[in-house]
Amino acid sequence: MFFIGIDVSKAKLDCCLSLDVEGTKRRAKSVPNSKPGILGLLAWCAKHQLAAQDLHAIMEGTGVYHEQAALALTDAGVTVSIVNPAQAKDFGHSLGIRTKTDGVDSLVLARFGALLNPRPWTPPAKEARVLQALLSRREAIAQDLRRERNRLEKADATDTPASIRQSIVDAIIFLEKQLAKLQQDIDNHIRKCPKLKADRDLLVSIPAVGPRVGNHLLAVIHNHHFQSAGQLAAYLGLVPIERQSGSSILGRPRLSKAGPARIRAVLYMAAVVATKHNPHIKALYQRLQERGKSKMSALGAAMRKLVHLCFGVLKTRQPYQANYAF
């Protein structure tokens, strides 16, 4: 297996093909971040007598710009791994590399793959990608709608010309229609996909998990492959990070807050409701407060417990049971 590090940007892919484990024999090439560019990359590898099945591509998860390359390479038969940018950065520092350029980053990724052999990435199903795109668009429209409503509130509190106020009202009406249509599209998409519908029904069986929370968790779980509830909680940034060493460093544990912040915001409100209406989380929340934990610390644990419950109902394929494990 030959490893190729790919540093992804919006316009191009900087590639470093490692021909040995030490990385002393290598070749570099830059191609456009497009389908023709990826085909050119595969043709370049073929000139070095390397078939697609002999390649293991390592790239970082950089927003959305890596998705096209990852899908195209996987379809061509290349093994693809998508690594956390923080891991790749720390790995480069461990090699004594402080320079940061696109070429150097691709070399670090190639070395990362050769020495650590990361787990292959499995592309999500098309229906999961469509659901994620619909949810992302809905969140963007909802944010725009909140901004326009805030502008209308300020316009009503100041001496704003009537034409400007009418423009804001028209924008609000348009965004409200778009938001309603997107929500209908999301519901119809889930209804048409039996697996998505079955999983969403299991999620909303948990007290405090409504359709919005269920949709967001559904998109996360179906677009990634988690082996355990702990991995899901870590991806969402809900695991505690401790900072303690000897007697001089004694920091308070805090949530890592890695991963998508918008989903943590949705989970926070769900956890607040769960502390009153979900038997498992209510018992956990009360137990932690009796032990002297702060309210926010207990709520963080409640969010993590809620994610564990969501993972559990999907794994067991059983709806939530209030008396389970009591």
Protein backbone atom coordinates (compact mmCIF):
# COMPACT_ATOMS: atom_id res chain seq x y z
CA MET A 1 0.00 0.00 0.00
CA PHE A 2 1.31 3.44 -0.99
CA PHE A 3 0.21 6.52 0.94
CA ILE A 4 -0.62 9.84 -0.62
CA GLY A 5 -1.17 12.94 1.52
CA ILE A 6 -3.64 15.45 0.09
CA ASP A 7 -3.80 18.99 1.45
CA VAL A 8 -7.21 20.36 0.49
CA SER A 9 -8.07 23.93 -0.33
CA LYS A 10 -10.97 25.48 -2.22
CA ALA A 11 -9.10 25.76 -5.52
CA LYS A 12 -6.51 22.96 -5.51
CA LEU A 13 -5.26 19.70 -4.04
CA ASP A 14 -1.58 19.56 -3.08
CA CYS A 15 -0.53 15.91 -3.14
CA CYS A 16 2.53 14.12 -1.83
CA LEU A 17 2.98 10.49 -2.86
CA SER A 18 5.21 8.58 -0.45
CA LEU A 19 7.05 5.67 -2.07
CA ASP A 20 8.54 4.37 1.21
CA VAL A 21 7.65 4.40 4.91
CA GLU A 22 10.38 6.91 5.81
CA GLY A 23 9.11 9.39 3.24
CA THR A 24 12.55 9.88 1.69
CA LYS A 25 11.32 8.79 -1.74
CA ARG A 26 8.34 10.88 -2.68
CA ARG A 27 6.69 12.73 -5.51
CA ALA A 28 4.61 15.90 -5.35
CA LYS A 29 1.87 17.25 -7.58
CA SER A 30 -0.81 19.94 -7.42
CA VAL A 31 -4.12 19.48 -9.23
CA PRO A 32 -7.37 21.51 -9.31
CA ASN A 33 -9.98 20.60 -6.72
CA SER A 34 -12.42 19.38 -9.34
CA LYS A 35 -13.46 16.13 -10.99
CA PRO A 36 -11.07 16.63 -13.94
CA GLY A 37 -8.30 17.42 -11.46
CA ILE A 38 -8.94 14.21 -9.53
CA LEU A 39 -8.90 12.20 -12.77
CA GLY A 40 -5.57 13.83 -13.56
CA LEU A 41 -4.27 12.81 -10.13
CA LEU A 42 -5.22 9.19 -10.74
CA ALA A 43 -3.56 9.29 -14.18
CA TRP A 44 -0.40 10.73 -12.56
CA CYS A 45 -0.35 7.86 -10.06
CA ALA A 46 -0.82 5.38 -12.91
CA LYS A 47 2.36 6.77 -14.54
CA HIS A 48 4.20 5.63 -11.42
CA GLN A 49 2.79 2.10 -11.93
CA LEU A 50 0.32 2.50 -9.06
CA ALA A 51 -3.27 1.31 -9.43
CA ALA A 52 -6.10 2.91 -7.48
CA GLN A 53 -6.37 -0.20 -5.29
CA ASP A 54 -2.73 0.29 -4.20
CA LEU A 55 -3.32 3.84 -2.90
CA HIS A 56 -4.33 5.06 0.56
CA ALA A 57 -5.19 8.77 0.49
CA ILE A 58 -4.98 10.81 3.69
CA MET A 59 -6.74 14.17 3.89
CA GLU A 60 -8.07 16.50 6.56
CA GLY A 61 -11.73 17.27 7.12
CA THR A 62 -11.87 20.88 5.92
CA GLY A 63 -15.47 22.04 5.88
CA VAL A 64 -17.00 20.89 2.60
CA TYR A 65 -14.05 21.26 0.25
CA HIS A 66 -12.71 17.74 0.86
CA GLU A 67 -16.01 15.97 0.14
CA GLN A 68 -15.82 15.95 -3.66
CA ALA A 69 -12.28 14.55 -3.68
CA ALA A 70 -13.05 11.95 -1.00
CA LEU A 71 -16.13 10.66 -2.83
CA ALA A 72 -14.44 10.61 -6.24
CA LEU A 73 -11.35 8.78 -4.96
CA THR A 74 -13.48 6.24 -3.06
CA ASP A 75 -15.57 5.57 -6.18
CA ALA A 76 -12.33 4.99 -8.11
CA GLY A 77 -11.23 2.31 -5.61
CA VAL A 78 -8.76 4.35 -3.55
CA THR A 79 -8.75 3.80 0.22
CA VAL A 80 -9.46 7.19 1.82
CA SER A 81 -8.95 8.32 5.42
CA ILE A 82 -10.17 11.67 6.73
CA VAL A 83 -8.26 12.77 9.83
CA ASN A 84 -8.79 15.49 12.38
CA PRO A 85 -6.73 18.59 11.45
CA ALA A 86 -5.62 18.94 15.09
CA GLN A 87 -4.22 15.39 15.05
CA ALA A 88 -2.30 16.04 11.85
CA LYS A 89 -0.91 19.30 13.25
CA ASP A 90 0.27 17.63 16.47
CA PHE A 91 1.78 14.79 14.45
CA GLY A 92 3.76 17.28 12.37
CA HIS A 93 5.07 18.95 15.52
CA SER A 94 6.14 15.53 16.83
CA LEU A 95 8.28 15.17 13.70
CA GLY A 96 9.91 18.53 14.41
CA ILE A 97 8.15 20.21 11.47
CA ARG A 98 7.23 23.82 12.20
CA THR A 99 6.93 25.12 8.65
CA LYS A 100 3.39 25.35 7.32
CA THR A 101 2.88 25.35 3.58
CA ASP A 102 0.53 23.34 1.41
CA GLY A 103 3.36 21.12 0.22
CA VAL A 104 4.67 20.47 3.73
CA ASP A 105 1.17 19.73 5.00
CA SER A 106 0.67 17.10 2.30
CA LEU A 107 4.00 15.51 3.28
CA VAL A 108 2.93 15.40 6.95
CA LEU A 109 -0.33 13.71 5.94
CA ALA A 110 1.52 11.12 3.88
CA ARG A 111 3.83 10.34 6.82
CA PHE A 112 0.80 10.24 9.12
CA GLY A 113 -0.77 7.56 6.94
CA ALA A 114 2.41 5.50 6.53
CA LEU A 115 3.19 5.40 10.26
CA LEU A 116 -0.29 5.25 11.82
CA ASN A 117 -2.40 3.64 9.07
CA PRO A 118 -5.65 5.43 10.00
CA ARG A 119 -9.05 3.82 9.70
CA PRO A 120 -10.58 3.94 6.20
CA TRP A 121 -13.43 6.38 5.64
CA THR A 122 -16.78 5.03 4.53
CA PRO A 123 -18.86 7.49 2.50
CA PRO A 124 -22.33 8.16 3.91
CA ALA A 125 -25.42 7.13 1.99
CA LYS A 126 -26.92 9.63 -0.42
CA GLU A 127 -30.07 10.09 1.66
CA ALA A 128 -27.93 11.04 4.67
CA ARG A 129 -26.02 13.63 2.63
CA VAL A 130 -29.29 15.10 1.34
CA LEU A 131 -30.66 15.32 4.89
CA GLN A 132 -27.51 17.11 6.09
CA ALA A 133 -27.73 19.60 3.21
CA LEU A 134 -31.40 20.33 3.95
CA LEU A 135 -30.72 20.85 7.66
CA SER A 136 -27.77 23.14 6.95
CA ARG A 137 -29.87 25.23 4.61
CA ARG A 138 -32.70 25.40 7.14
CA GLU A 139 -30.30 26.64 9.84
CA ALA A 140 -28.95 29.32 7.48
CA ILE A 141 -32.47 30.55 6.64
CA ALA A 142 -33.44 30.53 10.33
CA GLN A 143 -30.41 32.69 11.18
CA ASP A 144 -31.28 35.15 8.39
CA LEU A 145 -34.86 35.30 9.66
CA ARG A 146 -33.69 36.12 13.20
CA ARG A 147 -31.50 38.92 11.85
CA GLU A 148 -34.37 40.43 9.85
CA ARG A 149 -36.70 40.28 12.87
CA ASN A 150 -34.06 42.05 14.95
CA ARG A 151 -33.79 44.71 12.25
CA LEU A 152 -37.58 45.16 12.28
CA GLU A 153 -37.52 45.59 16.05
CA LYS A 154 -34.88 48.31 15.73
CA ALA A 155 -36.79 49.93 12.88
CA ASP A 156 -39.92 50.14 15.02
CA ALA A 157 -37.89 51.71 17.84
CA THR A 158 -36.32 54.39 15.63
CA ASP A 159 -37.38 56.88 12.99
CA THR A 160 -37.00 54.52 10.03
CA PRO A 161 -38.34 55.42 6.58
CA ALA A 162 -41.46 53.49 5.60
CA SER A 163 -39.83 52.08 2.48
CA ILE A 164 -37.00 50.51 4.48
CA ARG A 165 -39.40 49.04 7.03
CA GLN A 166 -41.50 47.56 4.22
CA SER A 167 -38.36 46.04 2.71
CA ILE A 168 -37.61 44.32 6.01
CA VAL A 169 -41.20 43.05 6.30
CA ASP A 170 -41.05 41.67 2.74
CA ALA A 171 -37.79 39.88 3.55
CA ILE A 172 -39.32 38.36 6.70
CA ILE A 173 -42.35 37.10 4.75
CA PHE A 174 -40.09 35.57 2.09
CA LEU A 175 -37.81 33.89 4.66
CA GLU A 176 -40.78 32.52 6.62
CA LYS A 177 -42.10 30.87 3.45
CA GLN A 178 -38.65 29.46 2.67
CA LEU A 179 -38.30 28.11 6.22
CA ALA A 180 -41.71 26.41 6.07
CA LYS A 181 -40.89 24.88 2.67
CA LEU A 182 -37.52 23.57 3.86
CA GLN A 183 -39.11 22.04 6.94
CA GLN A 184 -41.67 20.33 4.70
CA ASP A 185 -38.87 19.09 2.43
CA ILE A 186 -37.02 17.66 5.46
CA ASP A 187 -40.13 15.86 6.70
CA ASN A 188 -40.91 14.50 3.23
CA HIS A 189 -37.34 13.30 2.74
CA ILE A 190 -37.32 11.43 6.06
CA ARG A 191 -40.77 10.00 5.32
CA LYS A 192 -39.60 8.65 1.94
CA CYS A 193 -36.49 6.94 3.41
CA PRO A 194 -37.55 3.94 5.54
CA LYS A 195 -34.27 3.72 7.48
CA LEU A 196 -34.23 7.42 8.31
CA LYS A 197 -37.88 7.31 9.35
CA ALA A 198 -37.37 4.25 11.58
CA ASP A 199 -34.34 5.80 13.28
CA ARG A 200 -36.09 9.15 13.78
CA ASP A 201 -39.06 7.36 15.39
CA LEU A 202 -36.68 5.64 17.81
CA LEU A 203 -34.98 8.93 18.70
CA VAL A 204 -38.17 10.87 19.37
CA SER A 205 -39.36 8.08 21.69
CA ILE A 206 -36.89 9.54 24.24
CA PRO A 207 -38.50 12.20 26.45
CA ALA A 208 -37.04 15.65 25.61
CA VAL A 209 -35.92 14.56 22.12
CA GLY A 210 -38.25 16.28 19.71
CA PRO A 211 -38.26 16.31 15.89
CA ARG A 212 -35.62 19.05 15.64
CA VAL A 213 -33.15 17.33 17.98
CA GLY A 214 -33.92 13.99 16.35
CA ASN A 215 -33.29 15.35 12.84
CA HIS A 216 -29.91 16.83 13.78
CA LEU A 217 -28.71 13.69 15.57
CA LEU A 218 -30.04 11.58 12.71
CA ALA A 219 -27.90 13.52 10.23
CA VAL A 220 -24.78 13.26 12.41
CA ILE A 221 -25.13 9.54 13.07
CA HIS A 222 -25.89 8.66 9.45
CA ASN A 223 -23.08 10.81 8.02
CA HIS A 224 -20.43 9.34 10.33
CA HIS A 225 -19.67 5.88 11.63
CA PHE A 226 -19.44 5.70 15.42
CA GLN A 227 -18.47 2.48 17.15
CA SER A 228 -19.72 3.56 20.57
CA ALA A 229 -21.77 6.19 22.35
CA GLY A 230 -18.53 7.61 23.74
CA GLN A 231 -17.26 8.30 20.22
CA LEU A 232 -20.50 10.12 19.36
CA ALA A 233 -20.29 12.23 22.53
CA ALA A 234 -16.63 13.03 21.83
CA TYR A 235 -17.46 14.12 18.26
CA LEU A 236 -20.12 16.48 19.61
CA GLY A 237 -17.66 17.95 22.13
CA LEU A 238 -19.47 16.65 25.22
CA VAL A 239 -16.62 14.77 26.92
CA PRO A 240 -14.85 16.36 29.91
CA ILE A 241 -11.27 17.54 29.51
CA GLU A 242 -9.11 17.52 32.64
CA ARG A 243 -6.01 19.64 33.25
CA GLN A 244 -4.06 18.40 36.23
CA SER A 245 -0.39 17.78 36.92
CA GLY A 246 1.30 17.40 40.29
CA SER A 247 0.32 20.00 42.87
CA SER A 248 0.83 23.16 40.81
CA ILE A 249 -1.69 22.58 38.00
CA LEU A 250 -5.22 21.79 39.09
CA GLY A 251 -7.73 23.05 36.53
CA ARG A 252 -11.45 22.39 36.63
CA PRO A 253 -12.74 19.81 34.13
CA ARG A 254 -14.59 21.35 31.21
CA LEU A 255 -16.31 20.17 28.06
CA SER A 256 -14.04 19.84 25.06
CA LYS A 257 -16.61 21.68 22.85
CA ALA A 258 -15.12 20.14 19.73
CA GLY A 259 -17.39 19.48 16.79
CA PRO A 260 -20.52 21.31 15.58
CA ALA A 261 -21.59 24.05 18.01
CA ARG A 262 -25.10 24.32 16.52
CA ILE A 263 -25.93 20.75 17.57
CA ARG A 264 -24.62 21.37 21.09
CA ALA A 265 -26.95 24.38 21.30
CA VAL A 266 -29.92 22.20 20.34
CA LEU A 267 -28.85 19.50 22.80
CA TYR A 268 -28.49 22.07 25.60
CA MET A 269 -32.14 23.06 25.41
CA ALA A 270 -33.14 19.41 25.16
CA ALA A 271 -31.07 18.60 28.27
CA VAL A 272 -32.79 21.39 30.23
CA VAL A 273 -36.15 19.81 29.41
CA ALA A 274 -34.81 16.31 30.11
CA THR A 275 -33.80 17.24 33.67
CA LYS A 276 -37.52 17.61 34.39
CA HIS A 277 -39.20 15.04 32.14
CA ASN A 278 -36.68 12.24 31.41
CA PRO A 279 -36.38 9.76 34.33
CA HIS A 280 -32.78 8.72 33.63
CA ILE A 281 -31.46 12.24 33.14
CA LYS A 282 -33.52 13.68 35.99
CA ALA A 283 -31.99 11.12 38.39
CA LEU A 284 -28.47 11.84 37.09
CA TYR A 285 -28.94 15.61 37.34
CA GLN A 286 -30.22 15.42 40.93
CA ARG A 287 -27.45 13.03 41.95
CA LEU A 288 -24.73 15.33 40.61
CA GLN A 289 -26.21 18.40 42.28
CA GLU A 290 -26.37 16.54 45.60
CA ARG A 291 -22.65 15.81 45.19
CA GLY A 292 -21.97 19.54 44.92
CA LYS A 293 -21.56 19.84 41.15
CA SER A 294 -22.44 23.19 39.61
CA LYS A 295 -25.58 23.56 37.53
CA MET A 296 -23.64 23.91 34.25
CA SER A 297 -21.47 20.90 35.05
CA ALA A 298 -24.56 18.81 35.75
CA LEU A 299 -26.19 20.05 32.53
CA GLY A 300 -23.09 19.04 30.58
CA ALA A 301 -23.39 15.54 32.01
CA ALA A 302 -27.11 15.56 31.15
CA MET A 303 -26.30 16.44 27.52
CA ARG A 304 -23.80 13.60 27.37
CA LYS A 305 -26.30 11.17 28.91
CA LEU A 306 -28.94 12.25 26.38
CA VAL A 307 -26.55 11.45 23.53
CA HIS A 308 -25.82 8.04 25.09
CA LEU A 309 -29.55 7.31 25.25
CA CYS A 310 -29.95 8.28 21.58
CA PHE A 311 -27.10 5.98 20.56
CA GLY A 312 -28.56 3.21 22.72
CA VAL A 313 -32.03 3.16 21.17
CA LEU A 314 -30.51 3.04 17.68
CA LYS A 315 -28.11 0.25 18.59
CA THR A 316 -30.70 -1.94 20.34
CA ARG A 317 -33.46 -1.03 17.86
CA GLN A 318 -35.80 -0.64 20.84
CA PRO A 319 -37.72 2.53 21.79
CA TYR A 320 -36.94 4.29 25.03
CA GLN A 321 -38.02 2.49 28.21
CA ALA A 322 -38.43 4.66 31.30
CA ASN A 323 -37.77 1.79 33.72
CA TYR A 324 -34.73 0.42 31.89
CA ALA A 325 -31.74 -0.18 34.25
CA PHE A 326 -33.58 1.26 37.28
